Structures are given as C-alpha cells and as structure tokens.
C-alpha cells in the first residue's frame, strides 16, 4: 500500500513508519521537523520519501506533490503537542493542530484515499465523573491543546459525513517509549524525569502525585494503528481508545525510576484521573495491549542508558 504519514519524524510517527516499512509498504512522510528529528528515522530514512513541508494550504493543497498520487491511506500525526505549549502559544498551536488537520483532511478528499486516521488524545475527555473513559462520553476538555484535538475530531466527523470518507479517530492514552525526547522545554513527564536522573536531580511531581494516568507502550499503540488499515468498519466513522486499560498514579510511576522526588504546586489545567475503556478496540480491531508498565519502563530505562552513552 501507499501510505502518507504526517509527522512521521516524531516520536509516535517514526515508530509507525518503521513498522509500515517492515511490512513493505510504500511510505511517504510529511514533516517540517519542528518537533520531529531525522535521527528518529535512522532505520527507515533510506526506504521512505520525506517531504520537508508544513501542512498549509499554500505549501500542500495549492500544488499537491505528484508523489502523493494514488495514496491509499493517510495517518495524520503532525501536531504541536503538550498542554503547556498550547497555553503559552494558543494561536500557533491552533494553526498546527486545527488548521493542519483541515489541510490533511482536504488532502485525503482530493486524493480519494481509502481511509484516513486522525491521531487524537485522551485529553479531550477532560474531567469526568466516572472511570473508565469510554468513547461515547461527552468530551470536557480543560486546556487549549485538548480543545484543538477535539476540533480536529469534529472536522474529521464532518468530512466523513459530507464527503463519504472513511475515518478512524484514535484517542491515545499517555504513550511512552524510546525516542520520546522532545525538543525545547515542552517534554513528557518521563522525558523530564530521565533528564533529571541524568543531572542527578530529584524527580518533580505536581501536586501530591495521586493523579493517575493510563500509560501505553509505543509498540502496542503502533500495532493498534496498523490494525486500523485492515479492519472492516460497520460505519464510515469510528472513534477508538488505545490505552493500557489500567490507571497508575504519578507517585507510583516515580518509584519505578528509583530516584528521589520533589513535589511542586498542582497545575489547574490537568485532569485528575485517567483510565481507558478499551473494549471497543478489543472488539473491532482484535487488539489489546501486551506490554506491562514494569516491562515498558525497563525497556525505556535501558534505551535511555544506551542513548546517553552513544550520543
């Protein structure tokens, strides 16, 4: 198959690209490398086509690159992630996360692809009265990033209804694993902790650390995304959670890193608890996570040790 991956040089995107290449698919990447890195594509860069572009009307839609002709699937991962970034730069992140999604959807429409995949976030659920979080819950986003992802979901639904485009929205829950080394000051919690360990600093935790998250290992996520290509849909638009299916407190997670902890004031824009209901993905995709949190953290720490000593 011919597959376009936007944001293919990022953390999740590069792992997806590696898996698709391993299956002998023809992969094209669109990435402007604002958060991604060519180092993430060391395994696959000689086997893929890379377009160094931003997802803008002027750069993509006004002159669709000929190389994208006959594309079968689009995985749209390109985004400016992190809640903190969206609070600091709501306009810039809106342009990337909302307008970029419209461009990707319009590209899918004009190319007449078989199926479009929008990579959304569990942050759209926001604060809810019950757990686990299932797909039909009314979204209640608590920050600009979550709103931007939800707007992308709404545009995806409208494109599916209006243009008869098959779309799966994947809501990902706290994905972690090798390569999650963000640029600049906006980093995932595990990335921050790994840097703090390297600098012999205590691990910082906001609030009491009793807030929970549903951590999901990268290879489990990628396997779920790829199953989306071959799954027969009962209707042209679906929303699916991909999560570990269990909640762990931040304080519990810190213990696995075996380091001292420093508690900081809580952040008002974060959800308190998260746990994914993954029954729909189990039924529709025949998917389930197989990497335990203990195993995943061991893999991450091992990768970080090797990464630190070879770079």
Protein backbone atom coordinates (compact mmCIF):
# COMPACT_ATOMS: atom_id res chain seq x y z
CA UNK A 1 0.00 0.00 0.00
CA UNK A 2 0.98 3.62 -0.49
CA UNK A 3 0.76 5.37 2.86
CA UNK A 4 1.27 9.01 3.87
CA UNK A 5 2.32 9.68 7.46
CA UNK A 6 2.20 13.31 8.54
CA UNK A 7 4.50 13.96 11.47
CA UNK A 8 6.42 10.83 10.52
CA UNK A 9 9.68 12.04 12.10
CA UNK A 10 8.12 12.43 15.54
CA UNK A 11 8.07 10.03 18.47
CA UNK A 12 4.96 8.03 17.54
CA UNK A 13 5.16 8.76 13.82
CA UNK A 14 8.69 7.37 13.41
CA UNK A 15 7.77 4.12 15.16
CA UNK A 16 4.74 3.82 12.88
CA UNK A 17 6.91 4.47 9.82
CA UNK A 18 9.39 1.77 10.88
CA UNK A 19 6.57 -0.75 11.29
CA UNK A 20 5.00 0.12 7.93
CA UNK A 21 8.35 -0.13 6.14
CA UNK A 22 8.93 -3.51 7.77
CA UNK A 23 5.65 -4.63 6.18
CA UNK A 24 6.98 -3.45 2.78
CA UNK A 25 4.54 -0.58 2.35
CA UNK A 26 5.43 2.44 0.22
CA UNK A 27 5.71 5.20 2.84
CA UNK A 28 5.82 8.97 2.33
CA UNK A 29 6.43 11.36 5.22
CA UNK A 30 5.35 14.98 5.54
CA UNK A 31 7.15 16.69 8.40
CA UNK A 32 8.57 20.17 8.98
CA UNK A 33 10.86 18.87 11.75
CA UNK A 34 9.64 21.45 14.25
CA UNK A 35 9.37 18.73 16.89
CA UNK A 36 10.47 15.61 14.99
CA UNK A 37 14.03 14.56 14.20
CA UNK A 38 15.73 12.82 11.29
CA UNK A 39 17.53 10.73 13.94
CA UNK A 40 14.21 9.05 14.69
CA UNK A 41 14.21 7.69 11.14
CA UNK A 42 17.64 6.06 11.21
CA UNK A 43 16.11 2.63 10.45
CA UNK A 44 13.90 3.76 7.59
CA UNK A 45 15.13 7.01 6.02
CA UNK A 46 16.69 5.27 3.01
CA UNK A 47 13.44 3.40 2.32
CA UNK A 48 10.93 6.26 2.50
CA UNK A 49 10.27 9.55 0.77
CA UNK A 50 10.44 12.60 3.03
CA UNK A 51 8.73 15.90 2.18
CA UNK A 52 10.01 18.69 4.42
CA UNK A 53 6.76 20.67 4.50
CA UNK A 54 4.30 22.27 6.85
CA UNK A 55 0.65 21.32 6.42
CA UNK A 56 -0.52 24.61 4.94
CA UNK A 57 -2.85 25.42 2.08
CA UNK A 58 -0.11 27.26 0.22
CA UNK A 59 2.51 24.53 0.57
CA UNK A 60 0.36 21.42 0.12
CA UNK A 61 -3.10 21.98 -1.31
CA UNK A 62 -2.41 24.62 -3.96
CA UNK A 63 0.07 22.30 -5.57
CA UNK A 64 -0.33 18.74 -4.32
CA UNK A 65 3.02 16.95 -4.75
CA UNK A 66 2.80 14.40 -7.58
CA UNK A 67 4.44 11.82 -5.33
CA UNK A 68 1.19 11.65 -3.31
CA UNK A 69 -0.89 10.47 -6.25
CA UNK A 70 -2.60 7.11 -5.66
CA UNK A 71 -2.12 7.28 -1.89
CA UNK A 72 -4.20 4.59 -0.15
CA UNK A 73 -4.11 5.72 3.49
CA UNK A 74 -3.19 8.81 5.49
CA UNK A 75 -2.11 8.71 9.13
CA UNK A 76 -2.32 12.25 10.46
CA UNK A 77 0.02 12.65 13.43
CA UNK A 78 1.53 16.06 12.68
CA UNK A 79 0.87 18.39 15.62
CA UNK A 80 2.40 20.68 18.18
CA UNK A 81 1.79 18.59 21.31
CA UNK A 82 1.92 19.34 25.04
CA UNK A 83 -0.60 21.21 27.13
CA UNK A 84 1.92 23.78 28.34
CA UNK A 85 2.84 24.78 24.79
CA UNK A 86 -0.82 25.34 23.88
CA UNK A 87 -1.24 27.61 26.89
CA UNK A 88 1.88 29.62 26.03
CA UNK A 89 1.09 29.77 22.30
CA UNK A 90 -2.64 29.20 21.64
CA UNK A 91 -2.56 30.77 18.16
CA UNK A 92 0.49 28.89 16.90
CA UNK A 93 -0.74 25.57 18.25
CA UNK A 94 -4.22 26.20 16.81
CA UNK A 95 -2.71 26.72 13.38
CA UNK A 96 -0.73 23.48 13.60
CA UNK A 97 -3.30 21.31 15.34
CA UNK A 98 -6.58 22.53 13.85
CA UNK A 99 -5.75 24.16 10.52
CA UNK A 100 -3.15 21.46 9.84
CA UNK A 101 -5.83 18.82 10.37
CA UNK A 102 -8.19 20.51 7.91
CA UNK A 103 -5.40 20.55 5.31
CA UNK A 104 -4.74 16.84 5.90
CA UNK A 105 -8.46 16.05 5.58
CA UNK A 106 -8.77 18.08 2.40
CA UNK A 107 -5.72 16.31 1.03
CA UNK A 108 -7.42 12.99 1.80
CA UNK A 109 -10.57 14.13 0.00
CA UNK A 110 -8.77 15.32 -3.11
CA UNK A 111 -6.61 12.19 -3.29
CA UNK A 112 -9.70 9.98 -2.81
CA UNK A 113 -7.91 7.76 -0.31
CA UNK A 114 -9.36 4.56 1.17
CA UNK A 115 -9.20 5.59 4.84
CA UNK A 116 -8.00 8.48 6.99
CA UNK A 117 -6.65 8.12 10.52
CA UNK A 118 -6.65 11.08 12.88
CA UNK A 119 -4.44 10.65 15.93
CA UNK A 120 -6.26 12.38 18.75
CA UNK A 121 -5.70 12.45 22.50
CA UNK A 122 -7.35 11.21 25.68
CA UNK A 123 -7.14 14.84 26.85
CA UNK A 124 -10.43 15.51 25.02
CA UNK A 125 -12.24 13.67 27.83
CA UNK A 126 -11.07 16.19 30.39
CA UNK A 127 -12.71 15.90 33.80
CA UNK A 128 -15.32 13.14 34.00
CA UNK A 129 -17.45 11.78 36.84
CA UNK A 130 -16.65 8.15 36.14
CA UNK A 131 -13.94 5.76 35.01
CA UNK A 132 -13.02 4.09 32.77
CA UNK A 133 -13.29 6.61 29.93
CA UNK A 134 -15.29 5.25 27.01
CA UNK A 135 -15.68 6.74 23.56
CA UNK A 136 -19.31 7.90 23.84
CA UNK A 137 -18.69 10.11 26.86
CA UNK A 138 -19.33 13.82 26.31
CA UNK A 139 -15.90 15.49 25.88
CA UNK A 140 -14.94 18.01 28.54
CA UNK A 141 -11.52 19.44 27.54
CA UNK A 142 -9.65 21.51 30.12
CA UNK A 143 -6.96 23.29 28.07
CA UNK A 144 -6.30 24.67 24.57
CA UNK A 145 -4.48 21.53 23.36
CA UNK A 146 -7.43 19.32 24.28
CA UNK A 147 -9.86 21.73 22.56
CA UNK A 148 -7.68 21.73 19.45
CA UNK A 149 -7.68 17.93 19.28
CA UNK A 150 -11.45 17.90 19.77
CA UNK A 151 -11.88 20.39 16.94
CA UNK A 152 -9.84 18.05 14.75
CA UNK A 153 -12.22 15.25 15.69
CA UNK A 154 -15.25 17.38 14.79
CA UNK A 155 -13.76 18.31 11.42
CA UNK A 156 -13.00 14.63 10.81
CA UNK A 157 -16.61 13.69 11.50
CA UNK A 158 -17.94 16.39 9.17
CA UNK A 159 -15.56 15.31 6.39
CA UNK A 160 -16.66 11.71 6.82
CA UNK A 161 -20.34 12.65 6.62
CA UNK A 162 -20.04 15.22 3.84
CA UNK A 163 -17.54 13.51 1.55
CA UNK A 164 -18.18 9.84 2.34
CA UNK A 165 -14.65 9.46 3.67
CA UNK A 166 -13.80 6.52 5.93
CA UNK A 167 -12.16 7.83 9.10
CA UNK A 168 -10.93 6.30 12.34
CA UNK A 169 -10.07 8.59 15.22
CA UNK A 170 -7.60 7.07 17.66
CA UNK A 171 -7.62 8.60 21.14
CA UNK A 172 -4.22 7.75 22.60
CA UNK A 173 -3.53 7.48 26.31
CA UNK A 174 -0.13 8.60 27.65
CA UNK A 175 2.12 6.93 25.11
CA UNK A 176 5.72 6.32 26.20
CA UNK A 177 8.83 4.53 24.94
CA UNK A 178 12.11 5.10 23.09
CA UNK A 179 12.56 8.36 21.12
CA UNK A 180 10.19 10.45 23.23
CA UNK A 181 12.89 13.07 23.68
CA UNK A 182 11.07 16.32 22.93
CA UNK A 183 12.86 19.44 21.85
CA UNK A 184 12.85 22.59 23.96
CA UNK A 185 11.06 23.00 27.27
CA UNK A 186 7.85 21.07 26.46
CA UNK A 187 8.53 17.48 27.40
CA UNK A 188 6.63 14.41 28.52
CA UNK A 189 6.85 13.58 32.21
CA UNK A 190 9.10 10.57 31.65
CA UNK A 191 11.41 12.66 29.48
CA UNK A 192 11.73 15.23 32.24
CA UNK A 193 12.45 12.52 34.79
CA UNK A 194 15.13 10.91 32.64
CA UNK A 195 16.86 14.26 32.24
CA UNK A 196 16.60 14.89 35.98
CA UNK A 197 18.12 11.48 36.70
CA UNK A 198 20.96 12.26 34.30
CA UNK A 199 21.54 15.60 36.04
CA UNK A 200 21.29 13.96 39.48
CA UNK A 201 18.22 16.00 40.36
CA UNK A 202 15.04 14.82 42.15
CA UNK A 203 12.04 13.84 40.06
CA UNK A 204 9.50 16.66 40.04
CA UNK A 205 5.85 15.81 40.67
CA UNK A 206 3.00 18.33 40.52
CA UNK A 207 0.59 18.14 43.45
CA UNK A 208 0.55 15.09 45.70
CA UNK A 209 1.24 12.69 42.85
CA UNK A 210 -2.08 10.90 43.37
CA UNK A 211 -3.29 11.91 39.90
CA UNK A 212 -3.49 8.86 37.65
CA UNK A 213 -2.68 8.20 34.02
CA UNK A 214 -3.12 5.25 31.68
CA UNK A 215 0.38 4.65 30.30
CA UNK A 216 0.59 2.82 26.97
CA UNK A 217 3.79 1.45 25.43
CA UNK A 218 4.64 2.65 21.94
CA UNK A 219 4.73 -0.75 20.22
CA UNK A 220 1.23 -1.55 21.47
CA UNK A 221 -0.03 1.76 20.08
CA UNK A 222 1.60 1.25 16.68
CA UNK A 223 0.14 -2.24 16.40
CA UNK A 224 -3.32 -0.80 17.03
CA UNK A 225 -2.85 1.94 14.43
CA UNK A 226 -1.81 -0.54 11.75
CA UNK A 227 -4.74 -2.84 12.51
CA UNK A 228 -6.92 0.13 11.57
CA UNK A 229 -5.96 -0.36 7.93
CA UNK A 230 -7.33 -3.91 7.62
CA UNK A 231 -10.30 -3.73 10.00
CA UNK A 232 -13.72 -3.83 8.35
CA UNK A 233 -15.82 -0.93 9.59
CA UNK A 234 -19.54 -1.22 10.30
CA UNK A 235 -19.86 2.51 9.64
CA UNK A 236 -17.52 5.01 7.92
CA UNK A 237 -16.65 6.93 11.10
CA UNK A 238 -15.30 5.43 14.31
CA UNK A 239 -13.61 6.65 17.49
CA UNK A 240 -11.35 4.20 19.31
CA UNK A 241 -9.38 4.39 22.54
CA UNK A 242 -5.88 2.93 22.53
CA UNK A 243 -4.73 2.69 26.13
CA UNK A 244 -3.18 0.35 28.62
CA UNK A 245 -6.53 -0.20 30.30
CA UNK A 246 -5.22 0.48 33.81
CA UNK A 247 -4.53 3.60 35.83
CA UNK A 248 -1.29 4.28 37.68
CA UNK A 249 -0.59 7.25 39.92
CA UNK A 250 2.31 9.53 39.11
CA UNK A 251 3.72 8.74 42.54
CA UNK A 252 3.63 5.00 41.76
CA UNK A 253 5.37 5.59 38.45
CA UNK A 254 8.14 7.61 40.09
CA UNK A 255 9.01 4.60 42.26
CA UNK A 256 9.87 2.59 39.14
CA UNK A 257 12.54 5.18 38.31
CA UNK A 258 14.15 4.64 41.75
CA UNK A 259 15.05 8.25 42.46
CA UNK A 260 14.25 10.96 45.00
CA UNK A 261 11.14 13.05 44.45
CA UNK A 262 10.34 16.76 44.76
CA UNK A 263 6.70 17.87 44.98
CA UNK A 264 5.62 21.10 43.26
CA UNK A 265 2.29 23.01 43.38
CA UNK A 266 -0.50 21.34 41.35
CA UNK A 267 -1.40 22.56 37.87
CA UNK A 268 -5.04 23.64 37.45
CA UNK A 269 -5.40 22.63 33.80
CA UNK A 270 -4.77 18.89 34.22
CA UNK A 271 -7.24 16.04 34.57
CA UNK A 272 -7.14 14.24 37.90
CA UNK A 273 -7.73 10.64 36.82
CA UNK A 274 -7.41 8.64 33.60
CA UNK A 275 -8.20 5.07 32.66
CA UNK A 276 -9.17 3.92 29.19
CA UNK A 277 -12.07 1.66 28.37
CA UNK A 278 -10.54 -0.38 25.54
CA UNK A 279 -13.39 -2.83 24.93
CA UNK A 280 -14.30 -1.22 21.61
CA UNK A 281 -10.73 -1.59 20.26
CA UNK A 282 -10.64 -5.18 21.51
CA UNK A 283 -13.86 -5.98 19.68
CA UNK A 284 -13.35 -4.02 16.46
CA UNK A 285 -9.58 -4.30 15.97
CA UNK A 286 -8.99 -7.56 17.87
CA UNK A 287 -6.34 -5.53 19.71
CA UNK A 288 -5.14 -5.46 23.28
CA UNK A 289 -2.00 -4.06 24.96
CA UNK A 290 0.62 -6.69 25.76
CA UNK A 291 3.44 -4.66 27.39
CA UNK A 292 3.13 -4.29 31.15
CA UNK A 293 4.10 -0.99 32.73
CA UNK A 294 7.03 -2.62 34.57
CA UNK A 295 8.34 -4.15 31.34
CA UNK A 296 7.84 -0.92 29.43
CA UNK A 297 9.73 1.19 31.95
CA UNK A 298 12.61 -1.31 31.94
CA UNK A 299 12.81 -1.01 28.15
CA UNK A 300 12.70 2.78 28.38
CA UNK A 301 15.45 2.98 31.00
CA UNK A 302 17.61 0.56 29.02
CA UNK A 303 17.15 2.62 25.85
CA UNK A 304 17.91 5.82 27.73
CA UNK A 305 21.14 4.32 29.10
CA UNK A 306 22.27 3.26 25.62
CA UNK A 307 21.11 6.55 24.07
CA UNK A 308 23.01 8.61 26.64
CA UNK A 309 26.26 6.70 26.18
CA UNK A 310 26.22 6.71 22.38
CA UNK A 311 25.28 10.37 21.75
